[in-house]
Full PDB file with SEQRES, HELIX, SHEET, SSBOND, CRYST1, ORIGX, SCALE, CONECT and MASTER records, all heavy atoms in Angstrom:
SEQRES   1 A   32  LEU SER PRO LEU ALA GLY MET VAL PRO GLY TYR ALA THR          
SEQRES   2 A   32  ALA GLY ALA LEU MET TYR VAL ALA VAL LEU MET THR SER          
SEQRES   3 A   32  SER LEU GLY SER MET GLU                                      
HELIX    1 AA1 SER A    2  MET A    7  1                                   6    
HELIX    2 AA2 GLY A   10  THR A   25  1                                  16    
HELIX    3 AA3 SER A   26  SER A   30  5                                   5    
CRYST1    1.000    1.000    1.000  90.00  90.00  90.00 P 1           1          
ORIGX1      1.000000  0.000000  0.000000        0.00000                         
ORIGX2      0.000000  1.000000  0.000000        0.00000                         
ORIGX3      0.000000  0.000000  1.000000        0.00000                         
SCALE1      1.000000  0.000000  0.000000        0.00000                         
SCALE2      0.000000  1.000000  0.000000        0.00000                         
SCALE3      0.000000  0.000000  1.000000        0.00000                         
ATOM      1  N   LEU A   1     160.556  55.025 102.999  1.00  0.00           N  
ATOM      2  CA  LEU A   1     161.116  55.092 101.638  1.00  0.00           C  
ATOM      3  C   LEU A   1     160.755  56.402 100.937  1.00  0.00           C  
ATOM      4  O   LEU A   1     160.700  56.457  99.708  1.00  0.00           O  
ATOM      5  CB  LEU A   1     160.600  53.902 100.811  1.00  0.00           C  
ATOM      6  CG  LEU A   1     160.934  52.513 101.337  1.00  0.00           C  
ATOM      7  CD1 LEU A   1     160.308  51.443 100.444  1.00  0.00           C  
ATOM      8  CD2 LEU A   1     162.439  52.309 101.432  1.00  0.00           C  
ATOM      9  N   SER A   2     160.518  57.458 101.696  1.00  0.00           N  
ATOM     10  CA  SER A   2     160.081  58.726 101.093  1.00  0.00           C  
ATOM     11  C   SER A   2     161.084  59.319 100.100  1.00  0.00           C  
ATOM     12  O   SER A   2     160.667  59.891  99.084  1.00  0.00           O  
ATOM     13  CB  SER A   2     159.757  59.745 102.185  1.00  0.00           C  
ATOM     14  OG  SER A   2     160.868  59.979 103.018  1.00  0.00           O  
ATOM     15  N   PRO A   3     162.422  59.221 100.312  1.00  0.00           N  
ATOM     16  CA  PRO A   3     163.337  59.760  99.292  1.00  0.00           C  
ATOM     17  C   PRO A   3     163.182  59.053  97.947  1.00  0.00           C  
ATOM     18  O   PRO A   3     163.261  59.688  96.893  1.00  0.00           O  
ATOM     19  CB  PRO A   3     164.721  59.503  99.900  1.00  0.00           C  
ATOM     20  CG  PRO A   3     164.491  59.393 101.361  1.00  0.00           C  
ATOM     21  CD  PRO A   3     163.155  58.720 101.490  1.00  0.00           C  
ATOM     22  N   LEU A   4     162.952  57.748  98.000  1.00  0.00           N  
ATOM     23  CA  LEU A   4     162.752  56.983  96.762  1.00  0.00           C  
ATOM     24  C   LEU A   4     161.491  57.439  96.058  1.00  0.00           C  
ATOM     25  O   LEU A   4     161.472  57.624  94.832  1.00  0.00           O  
ATOM     26  CB  LEU A   4     162.675  55.492  97.092  1.00  0.00           C  
ATOM     27  CG  LEU A   4     162.554  54.523  95.912  1.00  0.00           C  
ATOM     28  CD1 LEU A   4     163.783  54.620  95.024  1.00  0.00           C  
ATOM     29  CD2 LEU A   4     162.378  53.103  96.420  1.00  0.00           C  
ATOM     30  N   ALA A   5     160.422  57.637  96.821  1.00  0.00           N  
ATOM     31  CA  ALA A   5     159.160  58.094  96.229  1.00  0.00           C  
ATOM     32  C   ALA A   5     159.306  59.482  95.632  1.00  0.00           C  
ATOM     33  O   ALA A   5     158.719  59.790  94.591  1.00  0.00           O  
ATOM     34  CB  ALA A   5     158.060  58.100  97.292  1.00  0.00           C  
ATOM     35  N   GLY A   6     160.112  60.324  96.265  1.00  0.00           N  
ATOM     36  CA  GLY A   6     160.290  61.682  95.774  1.00  0.00           C  
ATOM     37  C   GLY A   6     161.040  61.755  94.465  1.00  0.00           C  
ATOM     38  O   GLY A   6     160.958  62.762  93.754  1.00  0.00           O  
ATOM     39  N   MET A   7     161.780  60.720  94.123  1.00  0.00           N  
ATOM     40  CA  MET A   7     162.539  60.717  92.870  1.00  0.00           C  
ATOM     41  C   MET A   7     161.688  60.349  91.666  1.00  0.00           C  
ATOM     42  O   MET A   7     162.081  60.608  90.527  1.00  0.00           O  
ATOM     43  CB  MET A   7     163.701  59.724  92.976  1.00  0.00           C  
ATOM     44  CG  MET A   7     164.902  60.229  93.734  1.00  0.00           C  
ATOM     45  SD  MET A   7     166.326  59.137  93.490  1.00  0.00           S  
ATOM     46  CE  MET A   7     165.752  57.636  94.246  1.00  0.00           C  
ATOM     47  N   VAL A   8     160.544  59.718  91.878  1.00  0.00           N  
ATOM     48  CA  VAL A   8     159.745  59.210  90.756  1.00  0.00           C  
ATOM     49  C   VAL A   8     159.126  60.372  89.989  1.00  0.00           C  
ATOM     50  O   VAL A   8     158.340  61.142  90.535  1.00  0.00           O  
ATOM     51  CB  VAL A   8     158.638  58.270  91.260  1.00  0.00           C  
ATOM     52  CG1 VAL A   8     157.761  57.808  90.104  1.00  0.00           C  
ATOM     53  CG2 VAL A   8     159.242  57.068  91.987  1.00  0.00           C  
ATOM     54  N   PRO A   9     159.458  60.536  88.695  1.00  0.00           N  
ATOM     55  CA  PRO A   9     158.887  61.642  87.911  1.00  0.00           C  
ATOM     56  C   PRO A   9     157.458  61.353  87.484  1.00  0.00           C  
ATOM     57  O   PRO A   9     157.024  60.189  87.459  1.00  0.00           O  
ATOM     58  CB  PRO A   9     159.818  61.702  86.692  1.00  0.00           C  
ATOM     59  CG  PRO A   9     160.320  60.301  86.534  1.00  0.00           C  
ATOM     60  CD  PRO A   9     160.421  59.739  87.933  1.00  0.00           C  
ATOM     61  N   GLY A  10     156.725  62.396  87.147  1.00  0.00           N  
ATOM     62  CA  GLY A  10     155.323  62.243  86.768  1.00  0.00           C  
ATOM     63  C   GLY A  10     155.112  61.333  85.580  1.00  0.00           C  
ATOM     64  O   GLY A  10     154.133  60.574  85.534  1.00  0.00           O  
ATOM     65  N   TYR A  11     156.012  61.387  84.602  1.00  0.00           N  
ATOM     66  CA  TYR A  11     155.809  60.565  83.408  1.00  0.00           C  
ATOM     67  C   TYR A  11     156.014  59.084  83.702  1.00  0.00           C  
ATOM     68  O   TYR A  11     155.548  58.223  82.958  1.00  0.00           O  
ATOM     69  CB  TYR A  11     156.702  61.021  82.249  1.00  0.00           C  
ATOM     70  CG  TYR A  11     158.153  61.287  82.607  1.00  0.00           C  
ATOM     71  CD1 TYR A  11     159.052  60.252  82.812  1.00  0.00           C  
ATOM     72  CD2 TYR A  11     158.625  62.586  82.715  1.00  0.00           C  
ATOM     73  CE1 TYR A  11     160.381  60.489  83.120  1.00  0.00           C  
ATOM     74  CE2 TYR A  11     159.955  62.847  83.034  1.00  0.00           C  
ATOM     75  CZ  TYR A  11     160.833  61.805  83.233  1.00  0.00           C  
ATOM     76  OH  TYR A  11     162.139  62.051  83.542  1.00  0.00           O  
ATOM     77  N   ALA A  12     156.712  58.758  84.799  1.00  0.00           N  
ATOM     78  CA  ALA A  12     156.876  57.346  85.161  1.00  0.00           C  
ATOM     79  C   ALA A  12     155.577  56.762  85.686  1.00  0.00           C  
ATOM     80  O   ALA A  12     155.326  55.565  85.547  1.00  0.00           O  
ATOM     81  CB  ALA A  12     157.974  57.197  86.218  1.00  0.00           C  
ATOM     82  N   THR A  13     154.742  57.597  86.292  1.00  0.00           N  
ATOM     83  CA  THR A  13     153.457  57.115  86.804  1.00  0.00           C  
ATOM     84  C   THR A  13     152.329  57.276  85.787  1.00  0.00           C  
ATOM     85  O   THR A  13     151.257  56.696  85.962  1.00  0.00           O  
ATOM     86  CB  THR A  13     153.073  57.877  88.082  1.00  0.00           C  
ATOM     87  OG1 THR A  13     152.955  59.270  87.806  1.00  0.00           O  
ATOM     88  CG2 THR A  13     154.116  57.671  89.167  1.00  0.00           C  
ATOM     89  N   ALA A  14     152.562  58.055  84.728  1.00  0.00           N  
ATOM     90  CA  ALA A  14     151.531  58.239  83.698  1.00  0.00           C  
ATOM     91  C   ALA A  14     151.189  56.912  83.030  1.00  0.00           C  
ATOM     92  O   ALA A  14     150.027  56.644  82.705  1.00  0.00           O  
ATOM     93  CB  ALA A  14     152.001  59.254  82.650  1.00  0.00           C  
ATOM     94  N   GLY A  15     152.194  56.068  82.834  1.00  0.00           N  
ATOM     95  CA  GLY A  15     151.940  54.761  82.235  1.00  0.00           C  
ATOM     96  C   GLY A  15     151.033  53.916  83.094  1.00  0.00           C  
ATOM     97  O   GLY A  15     150.186  53.175  82.580  1.00  0.00           O  
ATOM     98  N   ALA A  16     151.190  54.030  84.428  1.00  0.00           N  
ATOM     99  CA  ALA A  16     150.325  53.276  85.342  1.00  0.00           C  
ATOM    100  C   ALA A  16     148.877  53.729  85.213  1.00  0.00           C  
ATOM    101  O   ALA A  16     147.950  52.914  85.223  1.00  0.00           O  
ATOM    102  CB  ALA A  16     150.805  53.450  86.776  1.00  0.00           C  
ATOM    103  N   LEU A  17     148.665  55.033  85.080  1.00  0.00           N  
ATOM    104  CA  LEU A  17     147.305  55.553  84.914  1.00  0.00           C  
ATOM    105  C   LEU A  17     146.676  55.014  83.637  1.00  0.00           C  
ATOM    106  O   LEU A  17     145.511  54.599  83.619  1.00  0.00           O  
ATOM    107  CB  LEU A  17     147.317  57.079  84.882  1.00  0.00           C  
ATOM    108  CG  LEU A  17     147.637  57.808  86.186  1.00  0.00           C  
ATOM    109  CD1 LEU A  17     147.646  59.316  85.953  1.00  0.00           C  
ATOM    110  CD2 LEU A  17     146.639  57.456  87.267  1.00  0.00           C  
ATOM    111  N   MET A  18     147.447  55.024  82.556  1.00  0.00           N  
ATOM    112  CA  MET A  18     146.903  54.555  81.281  1.00  0.00           C  
ATOM    113  C   MET A  18     146.673  53.035  81.297  1.00  0.00           C  
ATOM    114  O   MET A  18     145.745  52.537  80.662  1.00  0.00           O  
ATOM    115  CB  MET A  18     147.838  54.963  80.138  1.00  0.00           C  
ATOM    116  CG  MET A  18     147.826  56.476  79.883  1.00  0.00           C  
ATOM    117  SD  MET A  18     148.813  56.987  78.461  1.00  0.00           S  
ATOM    118  CE  MET A  18     150.462  57.019  79.177  1.00  0.00           C  
ATOM    119  N   TYR A  19     147.497  52.317  82.043  1.00  0.00           N  
ATOM    120  CA  TYR A  19     147.306  50.873  82.186  1.00  0.00           C  
ATOM    121  C   TYR A  19     146.009  50.574  82.936  1.00  0.00           C  
ATOM    122  O   TYR A  19     145.225  49.706  82.529  1.00  0.00           O  
ATOM    123  CB  TYR A  19     148.497  50.267  82.922  1.00  0.00           C  
ATOM    124  CG  TYR A  19     148.284  48.836  83.370  1.00  0.00           C  
ATOM    125  CD1 TYR A  19     148.153  47.811  82.440  1.00  0.00           C  
ATOM    126  CD2 TYR A  19     148.224  48.517  84.720  1.00  0.00           C  
ATOM    127  CE1 TYR A  19     147.969  46.499  82.845  1.00  0.00           C  
ATOM    128  CE2 TYR A  19     148.044  47.206  85.135  1.00  0.00           C  
ATOM    129  CZ  TYR A  19     147.914  46.199  84.190  1.00  0.00           C  
ATOM    130  OH  TYR A  19     147.718  44.906  84.595  1.00  0.00           O  
ATOM    131  N   VAL A  20     145.763  51.294  84.027  1.00  0.00           N  
ATOM    132  CA  VAL A  20     144.508  51.126  84.758  1.00  0.00           C  
ATOM    133  C   VAL A  20     143.333  51.455  83.842  1.00  0.00           C  
ATOM    134  O   VAL A  20     142.282  50.806  83.893  1.00  0.00           O  
ATOM    135  CB  VAL A  20     144.484  52.018  86.011  1.00  0.00           C  
ATOM    136  CG1 VAL A  20     143.125  51.953  86.702  1.00  0.00           C  
ATOM    137  CG2 VAL A  20     145.567  51.582  87.000  1.00  0.00           C  
ATOM    138  N   ALA A  21     143.517  52.452  82.969  1.00  0.00           N  
ATOM    139  CA  ALA A  21     142.466  52.807  82.015  1.00  0.00           C  
ATOM    140  C   ALA A  21     142.152  51.643  81.074  1.00  0.00           C  
ATOM    141  O   ALA A  21     140.979  51.380  80.759  1.00  0.00           O  
ATOM    142  CB  ALA A  21     142.899  54.027  81.203  1.00  0.00           C  
ATOM    143  N   VAL A  22     143.177  50.935  80.641  1.00  0.00           N  
ATOM    144  CA  VAL A  22     142.975  49.773  79.771  1.00  0.00           C  
ATOM    145  C   VAL A  22     142.130  48.721  80.481  1.00  0.00           C  
ATOM    146  O   VAL A  22     141.181  48.160  79.921  1.00  0.00           O  
ATOM    147  CB  VAL A  22     144.327  49.170  79.340  1.00  0.00           C  
ATOM    148  CG1 VAL A  22     144.117  47.850  78.601  1.00  0.00           C  
ATOM    149  CG2 VAL A  22     145.091  50.143  78.452  1.00  0.00           C  
ATOM    150  N   LEU A  23     142.468  48.461  81.745  1.00  0.00           N  
ATOM    151  CA  LEU A  23     141.736  47.451  82.510  1.00  0.00           C  
ATOM    152  C   LEU A  23     140.279  47.851  82.718  1.00  0.00           C  
ATOM    153  O   LEU A  23     139.371  47.026  82.607  1.00  0.00           O  
ATOM    154  CB  LEU A  23     142.407  47.233  83.864  1.00  0.00           C  
ATOM    155  CG  LEU A  23     143.852  46.709  83.858  1.00  0.00           C  
ATOM    156  CD1 LEU A  23     144.350  46.537  85.289  1.00  0.00           C  
ATOM    157  CD2 LEU A  23     143.944  45.393  83.096  1.00  0.00           C  
ATOM    158  N   MET A  24     140.048  49.130  83.009  1.00  0.00           N  
ATOM    159  CA  MET A  24     138.695  49.578  83.336  1.00  0.00           C  
ATOM    160  C   MET A  24     137.809  49.671  82.093  1.00  0.00           C  
ATOM    161  O   MET A  24     136.628  49.329  82.137  1.00  0.00           O  
ATOM    162  CB  MET A  24     138.745  50.918  84.065  1.00  0.00           C  
ATOM    163  CG  MET A  24     139.464  50.840  85.404  1.00  0.00           C  
ATOM    164  SD  MET A  24     139.450  52.377  86.350  1.00  0.00           S  
ATOM    165  CE  MET A  24     137.789  52.327  87.028  1.00  0.00           C  
ATOM    166  N   THR A  25     138.351  50.124  80.996  1.00  0.00           N  
ATOM    167  CA  THR A  25     137.539  50.237  79.788  1.00  0.00           C  
ATOM    168  C   THR A  25     137.225  48.878  79.174  1.00  0.00           C  
ATOM    169  O   THR A  25     136.295  48.752  78.375  1.00  0.00           O  
ATOM    170  CB  THR A  25     138.225  51.126  78.725  1.00  0.00           C  
ATOM    171  OG1 THR A  25     139.562  50.657  78.504  1.00  0.00           O  
ATOM    172  CG2 THR A  25     138.273  52.568  79.172  1.00  0.00           C  
ATOM    173  N   SER A  26     137.969  47.847  79.573  1.00  0.00           N  
ATOM    174  CA  SER A  26     137.691  46.506  79.041  1.00  0.00           C  
ATOM    175  C   SER A  26     136.323  45.999  79.489  1.00  0.00           C  
ATOM    176  O   SER A  26     135.788  45.059  78.899  1.00  0.00           O  
ATOM    177  CB  SER A  26     138.778  45.523  79.487  1.00  0.00           C  
ATOM    178  OG  SER A  26     138.760  45.343  80.895  1.00  0.00           O  
ATOM    179  N   SER A  27     135.739  46.633  80.503  1.00  0.00           N  
ATOM    180  CA  SER A  27     134.410  46.224  80.967  1.00  0.00           C  
ATOM    181  C   SER A  27     133.346  46.422  79.888  1.00  0.00           C  
ATOM    182  O   SER A  27     132.286  45.793  79.925  1.00  0.00           O  
ATOM    183  CB  SER A  27     134.013  47.016  82.218  1.00  0.00           C  
ATOM    184  OG  SER A  27     133.894  48.400  81.935  1.00  0.00           O  
ATOM    185  N   LEU A  28     133.628  47.288  78.919  1.00  0.00           N  
ATOM    186  CA  LEU A  28     132.667  47.529  77.837  1.00  0.00           C  
ATOM    187  C   LEU A  28     132.422  46.265  77.012  1.00  0.00           C  
ATOM    188  O   LEU A  28     131.402  46.150  76.326  1.00  0.00           O  
ATOM    189  CB  LEU A  28     133.173  48.649  76.920  1.00  0.00           C  
ATOM    190  CG  LEU A  28     133.197  50.057  77.528  1.00  0.00           C  
ATOM    191  CD1 LEU A  28     133.896  51.026  76.594  1.00  0.00           C  
ATOM    192  CD2 LEU A  28     131.776  50.541  77.815  1.00  0.00           C  
ATOM    193  N   GLY A  29     133.338  45.318  77.087  1.00  0.00           N  
ATOM    194  CA  GLY A  29     133.185  44.080  76.326  1.00  0.00           C  
ATOM    195  C   GLY A  29     132.022  43.222  76.784  1.00  0.00           C  
ATOM    196  O   GLY A  29     131.545  42.367  76.026  1.00  0.00           O  
ATOM    197  N   SER A  30     131.536  43.456  78.015  1.00  0.00           N  
ATOM    198  CA  SER A  30     130.422  42.658  78.524  1.00  0.00           C  
ATOM    199  C   SER A  30     129.059  43.298  78.252  1.00  0.00           C  
ATOM    200  O   SER A  30     128.035  42.785  78.699  1.00  0.00           O  
ATOM    201  CB  SER A  30     130.592  42.440  80.035  1.00  0.00           C  
ATOM    202  OG  SER A  30     130.582  43.679  80.730  1.00  0.00           O  
ATOM    203  N   MET A  31     129.044  44.399  77.511  1.00  0.00           N  
ATOM    204  CA  MET A  31     127.784  45.070  77.200  1.00  0.00           C  
ATOM    205  C   MET A  31     127.025  44.362  76.079  1.00  0.00           C  
ATOM    206  O   MET A  31     127.624  43.784  75.180  1.00  0.00           O  
ATOM    207  CB  MET A  31     128.040  46.519  76.767  1.00  0.00           C  
ATOM    208  CG  MET A  31     127.867  47.547  77.867  1.00  0.00           C  
ATOM    209  SD  MET A  31     126.229  47.524  78.597  1.00  0.00           S  
ATOM    210  CE  MET A  31     125.220  47.932  77.180  1.00  0.00           C  
ATOM    211  N   GLU A  32     125.690  44.427  76.155  1.00  0.00           N  
ATOM    212  CA  GLU A  32     124.835  43.931  75.079  1.00  0.00           C  
ATOM    213  C   GLU A  32     124.543  45.123  74.162  1.00  0.00           C  
ATOM    214  O   GLU A  32     123.576  45.863  74.338  1.00  0.00           O  
ATOM    215  CB  GLU A  32     123.531  43.369  75.667  1.00  0.00           C  
ATOM    216  CG  GLU A  32     122.588  42.799  74.619  1.00  0.00           C  
ATOM    217  CD  GLU A  32     123.228  41.745  73.747  1.00  0.00           C  
ATOM    218  OE1 GLU A  32     123.676  40.723  74.286  1.00  0.00           O  
ATOM    219  OE2 GLU A  32     123.298  41.975  72.511  1.00  0.00           O  
TER     220      GLU A  32                                                      
MASTER        0    0    0    3    0    0    0    6  219    1    0    3          
END                                                                             
């Protein structure tokens, strides 16, 4: 599926990065 992958623009994956950031920073909620 390499042609399909080549069409994906950078800004389409930027949301995925920021979503992962939301999940990872939520760990701060378990801090004392």
